[in-house]
Amino acid sequence: LIALILSLMQDANFKIEITALQTAGDVVALLGPGVAAVRPLLVLPLLQKLGDNKALVRQANVKVLSRLIQALPPRTVAEVLASALAAEPWRVREEALGLLMHAILYHAPPGGGGGGAGSA
């Protein structure tokens, strides 16, 4: 199933590409933490899609990666997104940084934890 979704994500037809990304997001949501088993297959194609020229493809891709953020442990997510920060296309770096901030906020302890610049 994952191989089929990945091949459809590379399709030249825009609607098929978007539908494949939405399906990938649904699979990630259904698998939950079990998605770790297929993470190596999913991550590289998803990171490459961050630099797509079509805004709707990038948005659908960010939704899939957001679901991965919710399903995977924080360290795994940070490693995956940090690797994308070295990519050459600026869009990939920009989206990866935004997703990394999302991951930090999602996995942050409730109440914000320790003292920061705003604590007195």
N, C-alpha and C. Protein backbone atom coordinates (compact mmCIF):
# COMPACT_ATOMS: atom_id res chain seq x y z
N LEU A 1 0.83 -1.20 0.00
CA LEU A 1 0.00 0.00 0.00
C LEU A 1 0.87 1.26 0.00
N ILE A 2 1.91 1.26 0.84
CA ILE A 2 2.79 2.43 0.91
C ILE A 2 3.49 2.66 -0.42
N ALA A 3 3.96 1.57 -1.05
CA ALA A 3 4.64 1.70 -2.34
C ALA A 3 3.69 2.29 -3.40
N LEU A 4 2.44 1.88 -3.37
CA LEU A 4 1.46 2.42 -4.32
C LEU A 4 1.24 3.91 -4.08
N ILE A 5 1.07 4.28 -2.82
CA ILE A 5 0.87 5.70 -2.48
C ILE A 5 2.06 6.53 -2.91
N LEU A 6 3.26 6.01 -2.64
CA LEU A 6 4.47 6.75 -3.02
C LEU A 6 4.58 6.92 -4.53
N SER A 7 4.21 5.89 -5.28
CA SER A 7 4.26 6.03 -6.74
C SER A 7 3.22 7.03 -7.23
N LEU A 8 2.05 7.04 -6.61
CA LEU A 8 1.01 7.99 -7.01
C LEU A 8 1.37 9.43 -6.62
N MET A 9 2.17 9.59 -5.57
CA MET A 9 2.62 10.92 -5.18
C MET A 9 3.52 11.54 -6.24
N GLN A 10 4.12 10.72 -7.08
CA GLN A 10 5.01 11.21 -8.14
C GLN A 10 4.29 11.38 -9.47
N ASP A 11 2.98 11.11 -9.49
CA ASP A 11 2.21 11.18 -10.73
C ASP A 11 2.18 12.60 -11.28
N ALA A 12 2.17 12.73 -12.60
CA ALA A 12 2.13 14.04 -13.25
C ALA A 12 0.76 14.69 -13.12
N ASN A 13 -0.28 13.88 -12.91
CA ASN A 13 -1.63 14.41 -12.77
C ASN A 13 -1.78 15.02 -11.38
N PHE A 14 -2.09 16.32 -11.34
CA PHE A 14 -2.18 17.07 -10.10
C PHE A 14 -3.18 16.48 -9.10
N LYS A 15 -4.35 16.10 -9.59
CA LYS A 15 -5.39 15.57 -8.70
C LYS A 15 -4.98 14.23 -8.10
N ILE A 16 -4.30 13.42 -8.86
CA ILE A 16 -3.83 12.13 -8.35
C ILE A 16 -2.76 12.36 -7.29
N GLU A 17 -1.88 13.30 -7.55
CA GLU A 17 -0.82 13.63 -6.60
C GLU A 17 -1.41 14.11 -5.26
N ILE A 18 -2.38 14.99 -5.33
CA ILE A 18 -3.02 15.52 -4.12
C ILE A 18 -3.76 14.41 -3.38
N THR A 19 -4.49 13.59 -4.10
CA THR A 19 -5.23 12.49 -3.48
C THR A 19 -4.29 11.50 -2.82
N ALA A 20 -3.16 11.23 -3.46
CA ALA A 20 -2.16 10.32 -2.87
C ALA A 20 -1.61 10.90 -1.57
N LEU A 21 -1.37 12.21 -1.55
CA LEU A 21 -0.88 12.85 -0.32
C LEU A 21 -1.94 12.78 0.79
N GLN A 22 -3.19 13.02 0.44
CA GLN A 22 -4.27 12.93 1.42
C GLN A 22 -4.39 11.50 1.95
N THR A 23 -4.25 10.53 1.07
CA THR A 23 -4.31 9.13 1.48
C THR A 23 -3.14 8.79 2.39
N ALA A 24 -1.96 9.29 2.07
CA ALA A 24 -0.80 9.07 2.93
C ALA A 24 -1.05 9.64 4.32
N GLY A 25 -1.67 10.81 4.38
CA GLY A 25 -2.01 11.40 5.67
C GLY A 25 -3.00 10.55 6.45
N ASP A 26 -3.97 9.99 5.75
CA ASP A 26 -4.94 9.11 6.41
C ASP A 26 -4.27 7.84 6.93
N VAL A 27 -3.36 7.29 6.15
CA VAL A 27 -2.64 6.08 6.58
C VAL A 27 -1.80 6.38 7.82
N VAL A 28 -1.12 7.52 7.81
CA VAL A 28 -0.30 7.91 8.97
C VAL A 28 -1.19 8.06 10.20
N ALA A 29 -2.35 8.70 10.03
CA ALA A 29 -3.26 8.88 11.17
C ALA A 29 -3.78 7.53 11.68
N LEU A 30 -4.08 6.62 10.78
CA LEU A 30 -4.59 5.30 11.19
C LEU A 30 -3.51 4.46 11.89
N LEU A 31 -2.28 4.55 11.40
CA LEU A 31 -1.20 3.76 11.99
C LEU A 31 -0.74 4.33 13.33
N GLY A 32 -0.86 5.64 13.49
CA GLY A 32 -0.41 6.27 14.73
C GLY A 32 1.07 5.98 14.96
N PRO A 33 1.45 5.60 16.18
CA PRO A 33 2.86 5.30 16.46
C PRO A 33 3.42 4.15 15.63
N GLY A 34 2.55 3.31 15.09
CA GLY A 34 3.00 2.21 14.24
C GLY A 34 3.58 2.67 12.91
N VAL A 35 3.43 3.96 12.61
CA VAL A 35 3.97 4.50 11.37
C VAL A 35 5.51 4.49 11.39
N ALA A 36 6.08 4.32 12.55
CA ALA A 36 7.55 4.28 12.65
C ALA A 36 8.13 3.18 11.78
N ALA A 37 7.38 2.11 11.56
CA ALA A 37 7.86 0.99 10.74
C ALA A 37 8.03 1.39 9.27
N VAL A 38 7.22 2.31 8.79
CA VAL A 38 7.31 2.73 7.39
C VAL A 38 7.91 4.13 7.22
N ARG A 39 8.33 4.72 8.32
CA ARG A 39 8.91 6.06 8.28
C ARG A 39 10.04 6.19 7.27
N PRO A 40 10.99 5.24 7.22
CA PRO A 40 12.07 5.39 6.24
C PRO A 40 11.59 5.48 4.79
N LEU A 41 10.49 4.83 4.49
CA LEU A 41 9.95 4.88 3.12
C LEU A 41 9.26 6.22 2.83
N LEU A 42 8.62 6.79 3.84
CA LEU A 42 7.82 7.99 3.64
C LEU A 42 8.61 9.28 3.67
N VAL A 43 9.61 9.36 4.52
CA VAL A 43 10.23 10.64 4.84
C VAL A 43 10.87 11.32 3.63
N LEU A 44 11.72 10.64 2.90
CA LEU A 44 12.43 11.29 1.79
C LEU A 44 11.48 11.84 0.73
N PRO A 45 10.50 11.06 0.25
CA PRO A 45 9.57 11.63 -0.75
C PRO A 45 8.78 12.82 -0.20
N LEU A 46 8.43 12.77 1.08
CA LEU A 46 7.68 13.88 1.66
C LEU A 46 8.55 15.13 1.78
N LEU A 47 9.80 14.95 2.19
CA LEU A 47 10.69 16.10 2.30
C LEU A 47 10.96 16.72 0.93
N GLN A 48 11.05 15.89 -0.09
CA GLN A 48 11.26 16.41 -1.44
C GLN A 48 10.05 17.22 -1.92
N LYS A 49 8.86 16.82 -1.49
CA LYS A 49 7.64 17.52 -1.89
C LYS A 49 7.53 18.91 -1.25
N LEU A 50 8.31 19.17 -0.20
CA LEU A 50 8.27 20.48 0.43
C LEU A 50 8.70 21.58 -0.55
N GLY A 51 9.48 21.22 -1.55
CA GLY A 51 9.95 22.20 -2.52
C GLY A 51 9.13 22.25 -3.79
N ASP A 52 7.97 21.62 -3.79
CA ASP A 52 7.13 21.58 -5.00
C ASP A 52 6.70 22.99 -5.41
N ASN A 53 6.57 23.20 -6.71
CA ASN A 53 6.16 24.51 -7.23
C ASN A 53 4.69 24.82 -6.96
N LYS A 54 3.88 23.79 -6.75
CA LYS A 54 2.44 24.00 -6.56
C LYS A 54 2.13 24.14 -5.06
N ALA A 55 1.51 25.26 -4.71
CA ALA A 55 1.22 25.55 -3.31
C ALA A 55 0.30 24.50 -2.69
N LEU A 56 -0.69 24.01 -3.42
CA LEU A 56 -1.60 23.02 -2.87
C LEU A 56 -0.89 21.70 -2.55
N VAL A 57 0.08 21.36 -3.36
CA VAL A 57 0.86 20.15 -3.09
C VAL A 57 1.68 20.33 -1.81
N ARG A 58 2.30 21.50 -1.68
CA ARG A 58 3.07 21.78 -0.45
C ARG A 58 2.17 21.75 0.78
N GLN A 59 0.96 22.33 0.67
CA GLN A 59 0.03 22.34 1.80
C GLN A 59 -0.40 20.92 2.18
N ALA A 60 -0.73 20.12 1.20
CA ALA A 60 -1.14 18.74 1.47
C ALA A 60 0.03 17.97 2.09
N ASN A 61 1.22 18.24 1.63
CA ASN A 61 2.41 17.59 2.15
C ASN A 61 2.67 17.98 3.60
N VAL A 62 2.49 19.25 3.91
CA VAL A 62 2.68 19.73 5.29
C VAL A 62 1.67 19.05 6.22
N LYS A 63 0.46 18.82 5.73
CA LYS A 63 -0.54 18.13 6.55
C LYS A 63 -0.10 16.70 6.88
N VAL A 64 0.48 16.02 5.89
CA VAL A 64 0.97 14.66 6.13
C VAL A 64 2.12 14.69 7.14
N LEU A 65 3.04 15.62 6.95
CA LEU A 65 4.17 15.73 7.88
C LEU A 65 3.71 16.13 9.28
N SER A 66 2.65 16.93 9.37
CA SER A 66 2.10 17.29 10.68
C SER A 66 1.53 16.06 11.39
N ARG A 67 0.92 15.18 10.62
CA ARG A 67 0.41 13.94 11.22
C ARG A 67 1.57 13.05 11.66
N LEU A 68 2.66 13.07 10.91
CA LEU A 68 3.85 12.32 11.33
C LEU A 68 4.40 12.89 12.63
N ILE A 69 4.39 14.21 12.75
CA ILE A 69 4.86 14.86 13.97
C ILE A 69 4.05 14.37 15.16
N GLN A 70 2.76 14.20 14.99
CA GLN A 70 1.90 13.76 16.07
C GLN A 70 2.09 12.28 16.40
N ALA A 71 2.54 11.49 15.41
CA ALA A 71 2.63 10.04 15.61
C ALA A 71 4.01 9.58 16.07
N LEU A 72 5.05 10.35 15.76
CA LEU A 72 6.41 9.90 16.06
C LEU A 72 6.97 10.59 17.29
N PRO A 73 7.96 9.97 17.92
CA PRO A 73 8.61 10.60 19.08
C PRO A 73 9.34 11.89 18.66
N PRO A 74 9.49 12.83 19.59
CA PRO A 74 10.10 14.13 19.26
C PRO A 74 11.50 14.03 18.66
N ARG A 75 12.33 13.12 19.18
CA ARG A 75 13.71 13.02 18.68
C ARG A 75 13.72 12.59 17.21
N THR A 76 12.87 11.65 16.86
CA THR A 76 12.78 11.17 15.48
C THR A 76 12.36 12.30 14.55
N VAL A 77 11.36 13.05 14.97
CA VAL A 77 10.85 14.15 14.17
C VAL A 77 11.93 15.21 13.98
N ALA A 78 12.63 15.54 15.06
CA ALA A 78 13.68 16.56 14.98
C ALA A 78 14.80 16.14 14.03
N GLU A 79 15.19 14.88 14.09
CA GLU A 79 16.25 14.38 13.20
C GLU A 79 15.82 14.47 11.73
N VAL A 80 14.58 14.08 11.48
CA VAL A 80 14.07 14.09 10.11
C VAL A 80 14.02 15.51 9.56
N LEU A 81 13.46 16.43 10.35
CA LEU A 81 13.30 17.80 9.87
C LEU A 81 14.64 18.54 9.82
N ALA A 82 15.54 18.23 10.74
CA ALA A 82 16.85 18.88 10.74
C ALA A 82 17.62 18.53 9.47
N SER A 83 17.43 17.32 8.96
CA SER A 83 18.12 16.94 7.73
C SER A 83 17.64 17.78 6.55
N ALA A 84 16.40 18.24 6.59
CA ALA A 84 15.85 19.05 5.50
C ALA A 84 16.34 20.49 5.56
N LEU A 85 16.86 20.92 6.70
CA LEU A 85 17.35 22.29 6.82
C LEU A 85 18.60 22.53 5.99
N ALA A 86 19.26 21.47 5.58
CA ALA A 86 20.47 21.60 4.76
C ALA A 86 20.16 21.51 3.26
N ALA A 87 18.90 21.37 2.91
CA ALA A 87 18.52 21.24 1.49
C ALA A 87 18.80 22.54 0.75
N GLU A 88 19.07 22.42 -0.53
CA GLU A 88 19.39 23.60 -1.32
C GLU A 88 18.17 24.48 -1.61
N PRO A 89 17.02 23.92 -2.01
CA PRO A 89 15.87 24.80 -2.31
C PRO A 89 15.38 25.54 -1.06
N TRP A 90 15.20 26.84 -1.20
CA TRP A 90 14.79 27.64 -0.06
C TRP A 90 13.42 27.25 0.47
N ARG A 91 12.53 26.81 -0.41
CA ARG A 91 11.19 26.41 0.04
C ARG A 91 11.26 25.22 0.99
N VAL A 92 12.14 24.29 0.69
CA VAL A 92 12.28 23.11 1.55
C VAL A 92 12.77 23.54 2.93
N ARG A 93 13.77 24.41 2.96
CA ARG A 93 14.29 24.89 4.25
C ARG A 93 13.23 25.66 5.03
N GLU A 94 12.49 26.51 4.33
CA GLU A 94 11.45 27.32 4.98
C GLU A 94 10.36 26.43 5.58
N GLU A 95 9.85 25.50 4.79
CA GLU A 95 8.79 24.60 5.27
C GLU A 95 9.30 23.70 6.41
N ALA A 96 10.55 23.22 6.28
CA ALA A 96 11.11 22.36 7.32
C ALA A 96 11.26 23.11 8.62
N LEU A 97 11.67 24.37 8.56
CA LEU A 97 11.80 25.18 9.77
C LEU A 97 10.44 25.40 10.42
N GLY A 98 9.43 25.69 9.60
CA GLY A 98 8.07 25.86 10.14
C GLY A 98 7.57 24.58 10.79
N LEU A 99 7.83 23.45 10.17
CA LEU A 99 7.41 22.16 10.73
C LEU A 99 8.19 21.83 12.00
N LEU A 100 9.46 22.20 12.03
CA LEU A 100 10.26 21.97 13.23
C LEU A 100 9.71 22.78 14.41
N MET A 101 9.31 24.02 14.14
CA MET A 101 8.69 24.83 15.20
C MET A 101 7.37 24.21 15.64
N HIS A 102 6.60 23.72 14.70
CA HIS A 102 5.34 23.04 15.02
C HIS A 102 5.60 21.81 15.90
N ALA A 103 6.62 21.05 15.55
CA ALA A 103 6.97 19.85 16.33
C ALA A 103 7.38 20.21 17.74
N ILE A 104 8.18 21.27 17.89
CA ILE A 104 8.61 21.69 19.22
C ILE A 104 7.40 22.10 20.07
N LEU A 105 6.50 22.85 19.47
CA LEU A 105 5.31 23.28 20.21
C LEU A 105 4.39 22.11 20.52
N TYR A 106 4.27 21.18 19.60
CA TYR A 106 3.38 20.03 19.80
C TYR A 106 3.90 19.13 20.92
N HIS A 107 5.20 18.92 20.96
CA HIS A 107 5.79 18.00 21.94
C HIS A 107 6.26 18.70 23.21
N ALA A 108 6.04 20.02 23.32
CA ALA A 108 6.45 20.75 24.52
C ALA A 108 5.61 20.30 25.71
N PRO A 109 6.20 20.27 26.90
CA PRO A 109 5.43 19.89 28.08
C PRO A 109 4.34 20.93 28.35
N PRO A 110 3.20 20.48 28.89
CA PRO A 110 2.11 21.43 29.21
C PRO A 110 2.60 22.47 30.20
N GLY A 111 2.15 23.69 30.03
CA GLY A 111 2.52 24.75 30.94
C GLY A 111 3.81 25.43 30.55
N GLY A 112 4.47 24.99 29.52
CA GLY A 112 5.67 25.65 29.04
C GLY A 112 6.96 25.24 29.71
N GLY A 113 6.90 24.59 30.86
CA GLY A 113 8.14 24.13 31.51
C GLY A 113 8.98 25.29 31.99
N GLY A 114 10.14 25.12 32.43
CA GLY A 114 11.12 25.99 33.05
C GLY A 114 11.03 27.47 32.71
N GLY A 115 11.92 28.22 33.32
CA GLY A 115 11.92 29.66 33.13
C GLY A 115 12.57 30.03 31.83
N GLY A 116 12.02 31.03 31.20
CA GLY A 116 12.58 31.52 29.96
C GLY A 116 12.78 33.00 30.09
N ALA A 117 12.89 33.69 28.99
CA ALA A 117 13.12 35.13 28.99
C ALA A 117 11.95 35.88 29.62
N GLY A 118 10.76 35.33 29.56
CA GLY A 118 9.59 36.01 30.09
C GLY A 118 9.31 35.74 31.55
N SER A 119 10.05 34.83 32.18
CA SER A 119 9.76 34.52 33.59
C SER A 119 10.54 35.44 34.50
N ALA A 120 9.94 35.80 35.62
CA ALA A 120 10.59 36.72 36.55
C ALA A 120 10.89 36.06 37.86
